[in-house]
PDB file of N, CA and C in Angstrom:
ATOM      1  N   MET A   1     -24.703 -46.616  30.818  1.00  0.00           N
ATOM      2  CA  MET A   1     -24.218 -47.261  32.026  1.00  0.00           C
ATOM      3  C   MET A   1     -22.877 -47.900  31.722  1.00  0.00           C
ATOM      4  N   SER A   2     -22.036 -47.855  32.701  1.00  0.00           N
ATOM      5  CA  SER A   2     -20.730 -48.456  32.493  1.00  0.00           C
ATOM      6  C   SER A   2     -20.852 -49.977  32.491  1.00  0.00           C
ATOM      7  N   ASP A   3     -19.900 -50.591  31.812  1.00  0.00           N
ATOM      8  CA  ASP A   3     -19.869 -52.057  31.761  1.00  0.00           C
ATOM      9  C   ASP A   3     -19.710 -52.642  33.163  1.00  0.00           C
ATOM     10  N   ARG A   4     -19.022 -51.913  34.002  1.00  0.00           N
ATOM     11  CA  ARG A   4     -18.809 -52.368  35.377  1.00  0.00           C
ATOM     12  C   ARG A   4     -20.124 -52.471  36.139  1.00  0.00           C
ATOM     13  N   TYR A   5     -20.961 -51.439  36.007  1.00  0.00           N
ATOM     14  CA  TYR A   5     -22.261 -51.446  36.675  1.00  0.00           C
ATOM     15  C   TYR A   5     -23.160 -52.540  36.101  1.00  0.00           C
ATOM     16  N   GLU A   6     -23.124 -52.681  34.803  1.00  0.00           N
ATOM     17  CA  GLU A   6     -23.943 -53.717  34.168  1.00  0.00           C
ATOM     18  C   GLU A   6     -23.528 -55.099  34.659  1.00  0.00           C
ATOM     19  N   HIS A   7     -22.237 -55.313  34.779  1.00  0.00           N
ATOM     20  CA  HIS A   7     -21.741 -56.604  35.276  1.00  0.00           C
ATOM     21  C   HIS A   7     -22.230 -56.852  36.702  1.00  0.00           C
ATOM     22  N   LEU A   8     -22.166 -55.844  37.550  1.00  0.00           N
ATOM     23  CA  LEU A   8     -22.653 -55.984  38.919  1.00  0.00           C
ATOM     24  C   LEU A   8     -24.161 -56.247  38.950  1.00  0.00           C
ATOM     25  N   ALA A   9     -24.905 -55.531  38.106  1.00  0.00           N
ATOM     26  CA  ALA A   9     -26.356 -55.731  38.035  1.00  0.00           C
ATOM     27  C   ALA A   9     -26.682 -57.160  37.599  1.00  0.00           C
ATOM     28  N   GLU A  10     -25.924 -57.694  36.656  1.00  0.00           N
ATOM     29  CA  GLU A  10     -26.134 -59.071  36.207  1.00  0.00           C
ATOM     30  C   GLU A  10     -25.841 -60.069  37.323  1.00  0.00           C
ATOM     31  N   ARG A  11     -24.801 -59.797  38.100  1.00  0.00           N
ATOM     32  CA  ARG A  11     -24.485 -60.679  39.237  1.00  0.00           C
ATOM     33  C   ARG A  11     -25.608 -60.647  40.273  1.00  0.00           C
ATOM     34  N   LEU A  12     -26.145 -59.461  40.517  1.00  0.00           N
ATOM     35  CA  LEU A  12     -27.261 -59.345  41.450  1.00  0.00           C
ATOM     36  C   LEU A  12     -28.494 -60.083  40.931  1.00  0.00           C
ATOM     37  N   ASP A  13     -28.734 -59.994  39.628  1.00  0.00           N
ATOM     38  CA  ASP A  13     -29.855 -60.726  39.029  1.00  0.00           C
ATOM     39  C   ASP A  13     -29.693 -62.231  39.227  1.00  0.00           C
ATOM     40  N   ALA A  14     -28.469 -62.712  39.144  1.00  0.00           N
ATOM     41  CA  ALA A  14     -28.217 -64.138  39.359  1.00  0.00           C
ATOM     42  C   ALA A  14     -28.503 -64.518  40.816  1.00  0.00           C
ATOM     43  N   ILE A  15     -28.189 -63.625  41.739  1.00  0.00           N
ATOM     44  CA  ILE A  15     -28.480 -63.879  43.153  1.00  0.00           C
ATOM     45  C   ILE A  15     -29.991 -63.931  43.378  1.00  0.00           C
ATOM     46  N   VAL A  16     -30.721 -63.041  42.717  1.00  0.00           N
ATOM     47  CA  VAL A  16     -32.185 -63.058  42.810  1.00  0.00           C
ATOM     48  C   VAL A  16     -32.714 -64.411  42.336  1.00  0.00           C
ATOM     49  N   GLU A  17     -32.170 -64.916  41.243  1.00  0.00           N
ATOM     50  CA  GLU A  17     -32.593 -66.230  40.742  1.00  0.00           C
ATOM     51  C   GLU A  17     -32.282 -67.332  41.747  1.00  0.00           C
ATOM     52  N   ASP A  18     -31.126 -67.254  42.384  1.00  0.00           N
ATOM     53  CA  ASP A  18     -30.773 -68.242  43.417  1.00  0.00           C
ATOM     54  C   ASP A  18     -31.756 -68.185  44.586  1.00  0.00           C
ATOM     55  N   LEU A  19     -32.086 -66.979  45.007  1.00  0.00           N
ATOM     56  CA  LEU A  19     -33.048 -66.826  46.095  1.00  0.00           C
ATOM     57  C   LEU A  19     -34.415 -67.374  45.697  1.00  0.00           C
ATOM     58  N   ASP A  20     -34.811 -67.134  44.455  1.00  0.00           N
ATOM     59  CA  ASP A  20     -36.084 -67.677  43.973  1.00  0.00           C
ATOM     60  C   ASP A  20     -36.112 -69.192  44.090  1.00  0.00           C
ATOM     61  N   GLU A  21     -35.026 -69.826  43.698  1.00  0.00           N
ATOM     62  CA  GLU A  21     -34.950 -71.283  43.776  1.00  0.00           C
ATOM     63  C   GLU A  21     -35.058 -71.771  45.222  1.00  0.00           C
ATOM     64  N   ILE A  22     -34.337 -71.116  46.115  1.00  0.00           N
ATOM     65  CA  ILE A  22     -34.366 -71.493  47.533  1.00  0.00           C
ATOM     66  C   ILE A  22     -35.780 -71.314  48.094  1.00  0.00           C
ATOM     67  N   MET A  23     -36.383 -70.175  47.795  1.00  0.00           N
ATOM     68  CA  MET A  23     -37.715 -69.892  48.311  1.00  0.00           C
ATOM     69  C   MET A  23     -38.749 -70.880  47.768  1.00  0.00           C
ATOM     70  N   PHE A  24     -38.648 -71.191  46.488  1.00  0.00           N
ATOM     71  CA  PHE A  24     -39.590 -72.128  45.884  1.00  0.00           C
ATOM     72  C   PHE A  24     -39.443 -73.508  46.515  1.00  0.00           C
ATOM     73  N   GLU A  25     -38.216 -73.934  46.735  1.00  0.00           N
ATOM     74  CA  GLU A  25     -37.979 -75.246  47.357  1.00  0.00           C
ATOM     75  C   GLU A  25     -38.543 -75.274  48.779  1.00  0.00           C
ATOM     76  N   GLN A  26     -38.330 -74.207  49.533  1.00  0.00           N
ATOM     77  CA  GLN A  26     -38.865 -74.150  50.888  1.00  0.00           C
ATOM     78  C   GLN A  26     -40.395 -74.186  50.886  1.00  0.00           C
ATOM     79  N   LEU A  27     -41.006 -73.472  49.951  1.00  0.00           N
ATOM     80  CA  LEU A  27     -42.467 -73.479  49.853  1.00  0.00           C
ATOM     81  C   LEU A  27     -42.988 -74.862  49.461  1.00  0.00           C
ATOM     82  N   ARG A  28     -42.287 -75.504  48.555  1.00  0.00           N
ATOM     83  CA  ARG A  28     -42.681 -76.849  48.127  1.00  0.00           C
ATOM     84  C   ARG A  28     -42.622 -77.821  49.311  1.00  0.00           C
ATOM     85  N   GLU A  29     -41.545 -77.741  50.083  1.00  0.00           N
ATOM     86  CA  GLU A  29     -41.398 -78.609  51.250  1.00  0.00           C
ATOM     87  C   GLU A  29     -42.478 -78.316  52.294  1.00  0.00           C
ATOM     88  N   ALA A  30     -42.762 -77.033  52.522  1.00  0.00           N
ATOM     89  CA  ALA A  30     -43.783 -76.660  53.501  1.00  0.00           C
ATOM     90  C   ALA A  30     -45.161 -77.150  53.065  1.00  0.00           C
ATOM     91  N   ALA A  31     -45.443 -77.060  51.772  1.00  0.00           N
ATOM     92  CA  ALA A  31     -46.733 -77.531  51.265  1.00  0.00           C
ATOM     93  C   ALA A  31     -46.847 -79.050  51.410  1.00  0.00           C
ATOM     94  N   ALA A  32     -45.764 -79.744  51.130  1.00  0.00           N
ATOM     95  CA  ALA A  32     -45.774 -81.207  51.231  1.00  0.00           C
ATOM     96  C   ALA A  32     -45.961 -81.647  52.681  1.00  0.00           C
ATOM     97  N   GLU A  33     -45.374 -80.909  53.594  1.00  0.00           N
ATOM     98  CA  GLU A  33     -45.453 -81.257  55.014  1.00  0.00           C
ATOM     99  C   GLU A  33     -46.622 -80.567  55.713  1.00  0.00           C
ATOM    100  N   LYS A  34     -47.308 -79.686  54.972  1.00  0.00           N
ATOM    101  CA  LYS A  34     -48.443 -78.923  55.502  1.00  0.00           C
ATOM    102  C   LYS A  34     -48.076 -78.183  56.789  1.00  0.00           C
ATOM    103  N   THR A  35     -46.927 -77.503  56.729  1.00  0.00           N
ATOM    104  CA  THR A  35     -46.431 -76.784  57.909  1.00  0.00           C
ATOM    105  C   THR A  35     -46.677 -75.282  57.847  1.00  0.00           C
ATOM    106  N   GLY A  36     -47.234 -74.791  56.786  1.00  0.00           N
ATOM    107  CA  GLY A  36     -47.464 -73.350  56.665  1.00  0.00           C
ATOM    108  C   GLY A  36     -46.252 -72.638  56.086  1.00  0.00           C
ATOM    109  N   ARG A  37     -46.260 -71.333  56.241  1.00  0.00           N
ATOM    110  CA  ARG A  37     -45.210 -70.484  55.678  1.00  0.00           C
ATOM    111  C   ARG A  37     -43.855 -70.796  56.315  1.00  0.00           C
ATOM    112  N   PRO A  38     -42.831 -71.000  55.485  1.00  0.00           N
ATOM    113  CA  PRO A  38     -41.490 -71.249  56.030  1.00  0.00           C
ATOM    114  C   PRO A  38     -41.012 -70.080  56.882  1.00  0.00           C
ATOM    115  N   ALA A  39     -40.262 -70.380  57.913  1.00  0.00           N
ATOM    116  CA  ALA A  39     -39.787 -69.350  58.843  1.00  0.00           C
ATOM    117  C   ALA A  39     -38.956 -68.270  58.151  1.00  0.00           C
ATOM    118  N   ASP A  40     -38.169 -68.643  57.182  1.00  0.00           N
ATOM    119  CA  ASP A  40     -37.276 -67.697  56.497  1.00  0.00           C
ATOM    120  C   ASP A  40     -37.936 -66.953  55.346  1.00  0.00           C
ATOM    121  N   ASP A  41     -39.175 -67.259  55.037  1.00  0.00           N
ATOM    122  CA  ASP A  41     -39.816 -66.700  53.843  1.00  0.00           C
ATOM    123  C   ASP A  41     -39.816 -65.175  53.831  1.00  0.00           C
ATOM    124  N   LYS A  42     -40.219 -64.561  54.922  1.00  0.00           N
ATOM    125  CA  LYS A  42     -40.288 -63.090  54.971  1.00  0.00           C
ATOM    126  C   LYS A  42     -38.908 -62.467  54.802  1.00  0.00           C
ATOM    127  N   ARG A  43     -37.935 -63.012  55.496  1.00  0.00           N
ATOM    128  CA  ARG A  43     -36.562 -62.464  55.424  1.00  0.00           C
ATOM    129  C   ARG A  43     -35.995 -62.605  54.013  1.00  0.00           C
ATOM    130  N   LEU A  44     -36.193 -63.772  53.399  1.00  0.00           N
ATOM    131  CA  LEU A  44     -35.690 -63.994  52.043  1.00  0.00           C
ATOM    132  C   LEU A  44     -36.399 -63.095  51.033  1.00  0.00           C
ATOM    133  N   THR A  45     -37.693 -62.887  51.228  1.00  0.00           N
ATOM    134  CA  THR A  45     -38.447 -61.997  50.336  1.00  0.00           C
ATOM    135  C   THR A  45     -37.926 -60.569  50.440  1.00  0.00           C
ATOM    136  N   GLN A  46     -37.656 -60.109  51.661  1.00  0.00           N
ATOM    137  CA  GLN A  46     -37.113 -58.761  51.848  1.00  0.00           C
ATOM    138  C   GLN A  46     -35.737 -58.631  51.202  1.00  0.00           C
ATOM    139  N   ALA A  47     -34.897 -59.641  51.372  1.00  0.00           N
ATOM    140  CA  ALA A  47     -33.564 -59.622  50.763  1.00  0.00           C
ATOM    141  C   ALA A  47     -33.672 -59.601  49.249  1.00  0.00           C
ATOM    142  N   ARG A  48     -34.575 -60.406  48.704  1.00  0.00           N
ATOM    143  CA  ARG A  48     -34.765 -60.469  47.253  1.00  0.00           C
ATOM    144  C   ARG A  48     -35.167 -59.101  46.710  1.00  0.00           C
ATOM    145  N   ARG A  49     -36.109 -58.453  47.370  1.00  0.00           N
ATOM    146  CA  ARG A  49     -36.562 -57.125  46.923  1.00  0.00           C
ATOM    147  C   ARG A  49     -35.422 -56.097  46.972  1.00  0.00           C
ATOM    148  N   ALA A  50     -34.637 -56.150  48.024  1.00  0.00           N
ATOM    149  CA  ALA A  50     -33.521 -55.209  48.154  1.00  0.00           C
ATOM    150  C   ALA A  50     -32.497 -55.425  47.044  1.00  0.00           C
ATOM    151  N   ILE A  51     -32.228 -56.675  46.720  1.00  0.00           N
ATOM    152  CA  ILE A  51     -31.252 -56.976  45.671  1.00  0.00           C
ATOM    153  C   ILE A  51     -31.794 -56.565  44.308  1.00  0.00           C
ATOM    154  N   GLU A  52     -33.088 -56.797  44.074  1.00  0.00           N
ATOM    155  CA  GLU A  52     -33.701 -56.339  42.822  1.00  0.00           C
ATOM    156  C   GLU A  52     -33.611 -54.821  42.696  1.00  0.00           C
ATOM    157  N   LYS A  53     -33.853 -54.122  43.787  1.00  0.00           N
ATOM    158  CA  LYS A  53     -33.773 -52.660  43.777  1.00  0.00           C
ATOM    159  C   LYS A  53     -32.351 -52.211  43.472  1.00  0.00           C
ATOM    160  N   ALA A  54     -31.370 -52.856  44.080  1.00  0.00           N
ATOM    161  CA  ALA A  54     -29.969 -52.505  43.825  1.00  0.00           C
ATOM    162  C   ALA A  54     -29.614 -52.710  42.354  1.00  0.00           C
ATOM    163  N   SER A  55     -30.074 -53.806  41.790  1.00  0.00           N
ATOM    164  CA  SER A  55     -29.817 -54.081  40.369  1.00  0.00           C
ATOM    165  C   SER A  55     -30.431 -52.985  39.496  1.00  0.00           C
ATOM    166  N   HIS A  56     -31.662 -52.617  39.823  1.00  0.00           N
ATOM    167  CA  HIS A  56     -32.350 -51.576  39.070  1.00  0.00           C
ATOM    168  C   HIS A  56     -31.627 -50.233  39.190  1.00  0.00           C
ATOM    169  N   LEU A  57     -31.172 -49.909  40.397  1.00  0.00           N
ATOM    170  CA  LEU A  57     -30.441 -48.665  40.610  1.00  0.00           C
ATOM    171  C   LEU A  57     -29.152 -48.621  39.802  1.00  0.00           C
ATOM    172  N   LEU A  58     -28.448 -49.730  39.748  1.00  0.00           N
ATOM    173  CA  LEU A  58     -27.215 -49.781  38.966  1.00  0.00           C
ATOM    174  C   LEU A  58     -27.461 -49.576  37.483  1.00  0.00           C
ATOM    175  N   ARG A  59     -28.654 -49.935  37.048  1.00  0.00           N
ATOM    176  CA  ARG A  59     -29.011 -49.762  35.632  1.00  0.00           C
ATOM    177  C   ARG A  59     -29.588 -48.368  35.363  1.00  0.00           C
ATOM    178  N   GLY A  60     -29.567 -47.506  36.376  1.00  0.00           N
ATOM    179  CA  GLY A  60     -30.010 -46.123  36.175  1.00  0.00           C
ATOM    180  C   GLY A  60     -31.449 -45.871  36.546  1.00  0.00           C
ATOM    181  N   GLY A  61     -32.090 -46.799  37.237  1.00  0.00           N
ATOM    182  CA  GLY A  61     -33.483 -46.616  37.627  1.00  0.00           C
ATOM    183  C   GLY A  61     -33.626 -45.731  38.839  1.00  0.00           C
ATOM    184  N   PHE A  62     -34.868 -45.376  39.145  1.00  0.00           N
ATOM    185  CA  PHE A  62     -35.226 -44.578  40.317  1.00  0.00           C
ATOM    186  C   PHE A  62     -34.474 -43.235  40.337  1.00  0.00           C
ATOM    187  N   SER A  63     -34.591 -42.467  39.280  1.00  0.00           N
ATOM    188  CA  SER A  63     -33.927 -41.152  39.236  1.00  0.00           C
ATOM    189  C   SER A  63     -34.545 -40.216  40.262  1.00  0.00           C
ATOM    190  N   ASP A  64     -33.696 -39.393  40.849  1.00  0.00           N
ATOM    191  CA  ASP A  64     -34.167 -38.413  41.847  1.00  0.00           C
ATOM    192  C   ASP A  64     -34.763 -37.218  41.174  1.00  0.00           C
TER     193      ASP A  64
END
């Protein structure tokens, strides 16, 4: 893999970590307030999965 792709994959991994932090904080707040699942949880989870997939693809995963 080119260094360029690896660099992009690493940046995407950092975004996944940021999303994890946001999601965890929202879940913690919802649990404390007993409000149930945060409104953005599904959307953030879908975005996280898409970014993880992109990172994996850049590293040569999911060969056709």
